[in-house]
Amino acid sequence: MSEITVTGQKRLVIVTGRAHPQLAHDIASALGSEVVHTDARTFANGEIYARYDESVRGCDAFVVQSHTLPINEWLMEQLIMVDALKRASAKRITVVSPFYPYARQDKKGRGREPISARLVADLYKAAGADRIMSVDLHAAQIQGFFDGPVDHLFAMPVLLKHFQAILDPSTLTVVSPDMGRVRVADIWSDKLGAPLAIIHKRRDPLVPNQVSVHEIVGQVAGRTCLIVDDLIDTGRTIVKAAEALKANGATRVVVAATHAVFSDPATELLQSDFIDSVVVTDTLPIPDEKRWDRLTVLPIAPLIATAIDAVFNDGSVTSMFDGAA
């Protein structure tokens, strides 16, 4: 009878969809690894196919996909890639969605509405995902939608390091663009040692992407205002907020956001005279035509790579954020 040798050595595999492959390659590079090539195709009728070029049996797989336009195609591609890993006997599958798809549909605001963020979590589970990793979820309760571990990463350390080097806290005010972001803005305020201001806004539920700013709570006159938000979609909310701040005497308005969704006409709107600079991360791809001279893009790959390393080696992800995660 031959002897069976058990090595116990785990194998890390990183694969990527086609939405933002550069991010996956940057993550792999930070880990001293490489992305396993995927033969991904879209057939003439729109169906998606994915097959891995090497064995993934028994591996710890991380499926990286950024959910940019067309979001439904990239979500489906990620689900198919997870299914392929499951059927190829991967030991553990982690979905890495830096920008969680449908995150803004996290609750029912009116009758007969879906909770699409929960549906996405169910789809990941049905496809075979064991774990989800995401950055700055639009709503923290999304973590409870998935029946398994969810690693909620925060881009704040990446953005904070940038602003601590260029902004003077003595003339700085951190601004929450709405009531929903007050808790996050309050943490920013503590970290930067700057006071907090809040913009109260109303949104017509029947008119998407339209916001009317009402009043500002806090001192902004003669100060540099740093607006912090999780994402910028069309940019209308941010521009309205910046306009209100300048109208109330702010000398400079700087915008910080994790996810640069930049749906049209965001690029044009964000070049408004009311906004002095915009700083985002590259959780989503930002093509050259959507960049301008007052836009700064910070790399998110080192943060995700650190989290992947912690998960792979059974370490603590929470400790990355001083216990805040």
Protein backbone atom coordinates (compact mmCIF):
# COMPACT_ATOMS: atom_id res chain seq x y z
CA MET A 1 0.00 0.00 0.00
CA SER A 2 1.49 3.35 -1.06
CA GLU A 3 1.94 6.12 1.49
CA ILE A 4 -0.13 9.29 1.10
CA THR A 5 1.80 12.49 1.72
CA VAL A 6 -0.14 15.54 2.88
CA THR A 7 1.75 18.81 2.41
CA GLY A 8 -0.90 21.10 3.93
CA GLN A 9 0.37 23.96 1.77
CA LYS A 10 -2.34 26.40 0.69
CA ARG A 11 -2.37 27.94 -2.76
CA LEU A 12 -3.52 31.49 -3.48
CA VAL A 13 -5.18 32.11 -6.84
CA ILE A 14 -6.26 35.51 -8.15
CA VAL A 15 -8.52 35.72 -11.18
CA THR A 16 -10.16 38.74 -12.76
CA GLY A 17 -13.10 39.65 -14.90
CA ARG A 18 -12.73 41.96 -17.87
CA ALA A 19 -14.16 45.13 -16.29
CA HIS A 20 -10.94 46.38 -14.64
CA PRO A 21 -8.11 43.85 -15.12
CA GLN A 22 -5.43 46.39 -14.21
CA LEU A 23 -6.68 46.47 -10.62
CA ALA A 24 -6.33 42.69 -10.28
CA HIS A 25 -2.82 42.80 -11.74
CA ASP A 26 -1.88 45.58 -9.28
CA ILE A 27 -3.28 43.49 -6.39
CA ALA A 28 -1.36 40.41 -7.54
CA SER A 29 1.82 42.45 -7.92
CA ALA A 30 1.46 43.77 -4.37
CA LEU A 31 1.14 40.15 -3.19
CA GLY A 32 4.13 39.00 -5.21
CA SER A 33 1.81 36.82 -7.28
CA GLU A 34 0.30 36.72 -10.75
CA VAL A 35 -3.24 36.67 -12.11
CA VAL A 36 -4.30 33.26 -13.41
CA HIS A 37 -5.39 33.76 -17.00
CA THR A 38 -9.07 33.30 -17.75
CA ASP A 39 -10.36 32.48 -21.20
CA ALA A 40 -13.37 34.81 -21.05
CA ARG A 41 -15.55 35.43 -24.08
CA THR A 42 -18.87 37.02 -24.97
CA PHE A 43 -20.73 35.19 -27.71
CA ALA A 44 -22.67 36.87 -30.49
CA ASN A 45 -25.96 36.55 -28.60
CA GLY A 46 -24.46 38.13 -25.43
CA GLU A 47 -23.83 34.91 -23.46
CA ILE A 48 -20.63 34.87 -21.39
CA TYR A 49 -18.15 32.01 -21.15
CA ALA A 50 -15.22 31.61 -18.73
CA ARG A 51 -12.58 28.90 -18.33
CA TYR A 52 -9.30 28.93 -16.38
CA ASP A 53 -6.09 28.06 -18.18
CA GLU A 54 -4.67 26.05 -15.27
CA SER A 55 -5.88 23.82 -12.45
CA VAL A 56 -7.55 25.56 -9.50
CA ARG A 57 -8.32 22.40 -7.53
CA GLY A 58 -7.98 22.92 -3.77
CA CYS A 59 -6.98 26.57 -4.09
CA ASP A 60 -8.04 29.66 -2.15
CA ALA A 61 -9.47 31.74 -5.02
CA PHE A 62 -10.19 35.46 -5.14
CA VAL A 63 -12.41 36.62 -8.01
CA VAL A 64 -11.80 40.33 -8.67
CA GLN A 65 -14.38 42.31 -10.61
CA SER A 66 -15.21 46.02 -10.71
CA HIS A 67 -18.84 46.77 -11.40
CA THR A 68 -18.77 49.59 -13.88
CA LEU A 69 -20.89 50.13 -16.98
CA PRO A 70 -22.35 47.74 -18.25
CA ILE A 71 -22.83 46.64 -14.63
CA ASN A 72 -25.19 43.72 -15.34
CA GLU A 73 -22.76 42.14 -17.80
CA TRP A 74 -19.86 42.35 -15.36
CA LEU A 75 -21.97 40.98 -12.51
CA MET A 76 -23.00 38.02 -14.65
CA GLU A 77 -19.39 37.42 -15.69
CA GLN A 78 -18.29 37.33 -12.06
CA LEU A 79 -21.07 34.88 -11.17
CA ILE A 80 -20.04 32.61 -14.05
CA MET A 81 -16.38 32.78 -12.95
CA VAL A 82 -17.38 31.79 -9.40
CA ASP A 83 -19.44 28.90 -10.78
CA ALA A 84 -16.48 27.73 -12.88
CA LEU A 85 -14.24 27.76 -9.79
CA LYS A 86 -16.78 25.79 -7.76
CA ARG A 87 -17.08 23.14 -10.47
CA ALA A 88 -13.28 22.99 -10.77
CA SER A 89 -13.04 22.08 -7.05
CA ALA A 90 -11.60 25.31 -5.63
CA LYS A 91 -11.45 24.94 -1.84
CA ARG A 92 -12.62 28.46 -0.95
CA ILE A 93 -13.97 31.20 -3.22
CA THR A 94 -13.93 34.88 -2.25
CA VAL A 95 -15.77 37.43 -4.35
CA VAL A 96 -13.77 40.68 -4.46
CA SER A 97 -16.18 43.44 -5.50
CA PRO A 98 -14.50 46.73 -4.55
CA PHE A 99 -17.69 48.55 -5.60
CA TYR A 100 -20.60 46.36 -4.53
CA PRO A 101 -23.23 46.20 -7.31
CA TYR A 102 -26.72 47.54 -6.54
CA ALA A 103 -25.52 48.76 -3.11
CA ARG A 104 -27.86 51.76 -3.21
CA GLN A 105 -30.88 49.45 -3.36
CA ASP A 106 -30.38 48.23 0.21
CA LYS A 107 -33.88 48.83 1.62
CA LYS A 108 -37.49 49.46 0.66
CA GLY A 109 -38.23 53.16 0.63
CA ARG A 110 -41.70 52.66 -0.84
CA GLY A 111 -44.04 49.74 -1.46
CA ARG A 112 -43.42 47.29 -4.31
CA GLU A 113 -39.69 48.07 -4.46
CA PRO A 114 -36.95 45.41 -4.62
CA ILE A 115 -34.02 45.06 -2.24
CA SER A 116 -31.56 44.41 -5.04
CA ALA A 117 -28.44 44.47 -2.86
CA ARG A 118 -29.82 41.41 -1.03
CA LEU A 119 -30.57 39.75 -4.37
CA VAL A 120 -26.95 40.22 -5.44
CA ALA A 121 -25.75 38.61 -2.19
CA ASP A 122 -28.07 35.65 -2.84
CA LEU A 123 -26.71 35.32 -6.38
CA TYR A 124 -23.12 35.24 -5.10
CA LYS A 125 -24.08 32.52 -2.62
CA ALA A 126 -25.95 30.48 -5.24
CA ALA A 127 -22.97 30.70 -7.62
CA GLY A 128 -20.70 29.21 -4.94
CA ALA A 129 -19.00 32.13 -3.17
CA ASP A 130 -17.87 31.44 0.40
CA ARG A 131 -16.87 35.01 1.23
CA ILE A 132 -17.32 38.59 0.00
CA MET A 133 -14.78 41.41 0.12
CA SER A 134 -15.82 44.98 -0.69
CA VAL A 135 -14.67 48.55 -0.11
CA ASP A 136 -16.82 51.26 1.51
CA LEU A 137 -20.27 49.68 1.21
CA HIS A 138 -22.97 52.28 0.62
CA ALA A 139 -24.87 50.82 3.59
CA ALA A 140 -23.23 48.74 6.34
CA GLN A 141 -26.25 46.45 6.70
CA ILE A 142 -25.40 44.87 3.33
CA GLN A 143 -22.93 42.75 5.31
CA GLY A 144 -25.93 40.98 6.82
CA PHE A 145 -27.40 40.11 3.43
CA PHE A 146 -24.75 37.44 2.79
CA ASP A 147 -24.82 34.15 4.69
CA GLY A 148 -21.09 34.01 5.29
CA PRO A 149 -18.09 36.25 6.10
CA VAL A 150 -18.05 39.74 4.58
CA ASP A 151 -14.82 41.74 4.72
CA HIS A 152 -15.87 45.39 4.67
CA LEU A 153 -12.74 47.39 3.83
CA PHE A 154 -12.40 51.14 4.30
CA ALA A 155 -10.58 53.42 1.86
CA MET A 156 -10.25 56.06 4.57
CA PRO A 157 -6.60 55.22 5.43
CA VAL A 158 -5.61 55.65 1.77
CA LEU A 159 -7.45 58.95 1.38
CA LEU A 160 -6.47 60.27 4.84
CA LYS A 161 -2.77 59.79 4.17
CA HIS A 162 -3.12 61.92 1.05
CA PHE A 163 -5.02 64.75 2.74
CA GLN A 164 -2.88 64.81 5.89
CA ALA A 165 0.05 65.67 3.64
CA ILE A 166 -1.62 68.53 1.75
CA LEU A 167 -4.32 70.12 3.98
CA ASP A 168 -3.91 72.43 6.97
CA PRO A 169 -6.25 71.21 9.76
CA SER A 170 -6.41 74.71 11.31
CA THR A 171 -8.37 76.04 8.32
CA LEU A 172 -10.15 72.80 7.42
CA THR A 173 -13.80 71.79 7.86
CA VAL A 174 -14.98 68.26 7.04
CA VAL A 175 -18.38 68.28 5.35
CA SER A 176 -20.96 65.51 5.19
CA PRO A 177 -22.96 65.93 1.96
CA ASP A 178 -26.09 64.44 3.59
CA MET A 179 -27.38 63.03 6.88
CA GLY A 180 -26.57 59.47 5.83
CA ARG A 181 -22.81 60.13 5.76
CA VAL A 182 -22.56 61.96 9.10
CA ARG A 183 -21.03 59.03 10.99
CA VAL A 184 -18.27 58.58 8.40
CA ALA A 185 -17.62 62.33 8.18
CA ASP A 186 -17.42 62.45 11.97
CA ILE A 187 -14.63 59.85 11.92
CA TRP A 188 -12.82 61.92 9.27
CA SER A 189 -13.26 64.97 11.49
CA ASP A 190 -11.62 63.18 14.43
CA LYS A 191 -8.77 61.79 12.34
CA LEU A 192 -7.95 65.17 10.76
CA GLY A 193 -8.58 67.23 13.89
CA ALA A 194 -11.02 69.46 12.02
CA PRO A 195 -14.59 70.58 12.79
CA LEU A 196 -17.62 69.01 11.09
CA ALA A 197 -20.33 70.60 8.96
CA ILE A 198 -23.45 68.91 7.59
CA ILE A 199 -25.44 69.70 4.46
CA HIS A 200 -29.15 69.03 4.76
CA LYS A 201 -30.65 68.06 1.40
CA ARG A 202 -33.91 66.77 0.05
CA ARG A 203 -34.26 64.38 -2.85
CA ASP A 204 -37.46 63.88 -4.84
CA PRO A 205 -38.07 60.07 -4.81
CA LEU A 206 -39.83 60.32 -8.16
CA VAL A 207 -36.95 62.10 -9.92
CA PRO A 208 -33.64 60.13 -9.98
CA ASN A 209 -30.29 61.92 -9.63
CA GLN A 210 -31.87 65.27 -8.76
CA VAL A 211 -31.01 66.95 -5.45
CA SER A 212 -31.85 70.34 -3.98
CA VAL A 213 -29.54 71.53 -1.20
CA HIS A 214 -31.20 73.32 1.68
CA GLU A 215 -29.11 74.41 4.65
CA ILE A 216 -25.63 74.01 6.11
CA VAL A 217 -25.09 73.16 9.78
CA GLY A 218 -21.61 74.25 10.90
CA GLN A 219 -19.02 76.93 10.17
CA VAL A 220 -17.66 76.98 6.60
CA ALA A 221 -16.98 80.67 5.93
CA GLY A 222 -13.32 81.38 5.21
CA ARG A 223 -12.38 77.71 5.44
CA THR A 224 -11.25 74.87 3.18
CA CYS A 225 -14.16 72.42 2.99
CA LEU A 226 -13.49 68.72 2.47
CA ILE A 227 -16.63 66.90 1.28
CA VAL A 228 -16.38 63.17 2.00
CA ASP A 229 -18.66 60.62 0.32
CA ASP A 230 -18.57 56.95 -0.64
CA LEU A 231 -19.27 57.47 -4.35
CA ILE A 232 -19.76 60.03 -7.08
CA ASP A 233 -22.29 59.01 -9.71
CA THR A 234 -23.54 61.86 -11.92
CA GLY A 235 -21.87 64.45 -9.68
CA ARG A 236 -24.99 66.58 -9.29
CA THR A 237 -25.16 66.10 -5.50
CA ILE A 238 -21.51 67.08 -5.04
CA VAL A 239 -21.72 70.14 -7.29
CA LYS A 240 -24.87 71.37 -5.52
CA ALA A 241 -23.11 70.89 -2.18
CA ALA A 242 -19.99 72.72 -3.38
CA GLU A 243 -22.11 75.58 -4.72
CA ALA A 244 -23.86 75.90 -1.36
CA LEU A 245 -20.53 75.89 0.50
CA LYS A 246 -19.03 78.59 -1.74
CA ALA A 247 -22.23 80.64 -1.37
CA ASN A 248 -21.74 80.43 2.41
CA GLY A 249 -18.18 81.75 2.24
CA ALA A 250 -15.98 78.66 1.82
CA THR A 251 -12.61 79.57 0.28
CA ARG A 252 -11.88 76.14 -1.21
CA VAL A 253 -13.93 72.99 -1.78
CA VAL A 254 -12.14 69.65 -2.03
CA VAL A 255 -14.07 66.45 -2.74
CA ALA A 256 -13.01 62.98 -1.55
CA ALA A 257 -14.82 59.83 -2.65
CA THR A 258 -13.95 56.15 -2.79
CA HIS A 259 -15.86 55.08 -5.89
CA ALA A 260 -15.63 57.12 -9.10
CA VAL A 261 -18.76 55.88 -10.86
CA PHE A 262 -18.72 59.01 -13.05
CA SER A 263 -21.91 58.40 -15.02
CA ASP A 264 -22.45 61.09 -17.66
CA PRO A 265 -22.34 64.07 -17.26
CA ALA A 266 -20.19 63.73 -14.10
CA THR A 267 -16.87 64.61 -15.73
CA GLU A 268 -18.23 67.88 -17.08
CA LEU A 269 -20.09 68.81 -13.88
CA LEU A 270 -17.14 68.08 -11.58
CA GLN A 271 -14.99 70.56 -13.49
CA SER A 272 -17.27 73.27 -12.04
CA ASP A 273 -15.69 76.45 -10.67
CA PHE A 274 -17.26 75.59 -7.30
CA ILE A 275 -14.95 72.55 -6.93
CA ASP A 276 -11.21 73.09 -6.55
CA SER A 277 -10.13 69.43 -6.65
CA VAL A 278 -11.49 65.88 -6.61
CA VAL A 279 -9.69 62.89 -5.08
CA VAL A 280 -10.91 59.31 -5.68
CA THR A 281 -9.53 55.77 -5.66
CA ASP A 282 -9.35 53.35 -8.58
CA THR A 283 -11.90 50.80 -7.32
CA LEU A 284 -13.54 51.44 -10.70
CA PRO A 285 -11.71 52.00 -13.99
CA ILE A 286 -11.37 55.67 -14.95
CA PRO A 287 -10.56 56.01 -18.67
CA ASP A 288 -8.45 58.93 -19.91
CA GLU A 289 -11.48 60.71 -21.34
CA LYS A 290 -12.96 60.87 -17.81
CA ARG A 291 -9.87 62.41 -16.22
CA TRP A 292 -8.99 66.09 -15.91
CA ASP A 293 -6.21 68.15 -14.35
CA ARG A 294 -7.94 68.68 -10.97
CA LEU A 295 -8.65 64.96 -10.50
CA THR A 296 -6.33 62.80 -8.37
CA VAL A 297 -6.69 58.99 -8.49
CA LEU A 298 -5.19 57.04 -5.57
CA PRO A 299 -4.37 53.30 -5.87
CA ILE A 300 -6.62 50.96 -3.84
CA ALA A 301 -4.72 47.76 -4.75
CA PRO A 302 -2.31 47.83 -1.74
CA LEU A 303 -5.27 47.96 0.68
CA ILE A 304 -7.10 45.07 -1.02
CA ALA A 305 -3.87 43.07 -1.28
CA THR A 306 -3.27 43.46 2.47
CA ALA A 307 -6.80 42.23 3.17
CA ILE A 308 -6.43 39.27 0.81
CA ASP A 309 -3.15 38.34 2.50
CA ALA A 310 -4.86 38.49 5.92
CA VAL A 311 -7.75 36.30 4.75
CA PHE A 312 -5.45 33.80 3.05
CA ASN A 313 -3.25 33.49 6.13
CA ASP A 314 -6.21 33.45 8.56
CA GLY A 315 -5.19 36.82 9.99
CA SER A 316 -7.29 39.76 11.17
CA VAL A 317 -8.82 42.15 8.64
CA THR A 318 -10.32 44.31 11.42
CA SER A 319 -6.85 45.16 12.76
CA MET A 320 -6.12 46.95 9.48
CA PHE A 321 -8.55 49.67 10.52
CA ASP A 322 -7.80 50.06 14.24
CA GLY A 323 -10.75 47.87 15.11
CA ALA A 324 -13.22 49.97 13.08
CA ALA A 325 -14.01 47.28 10.50
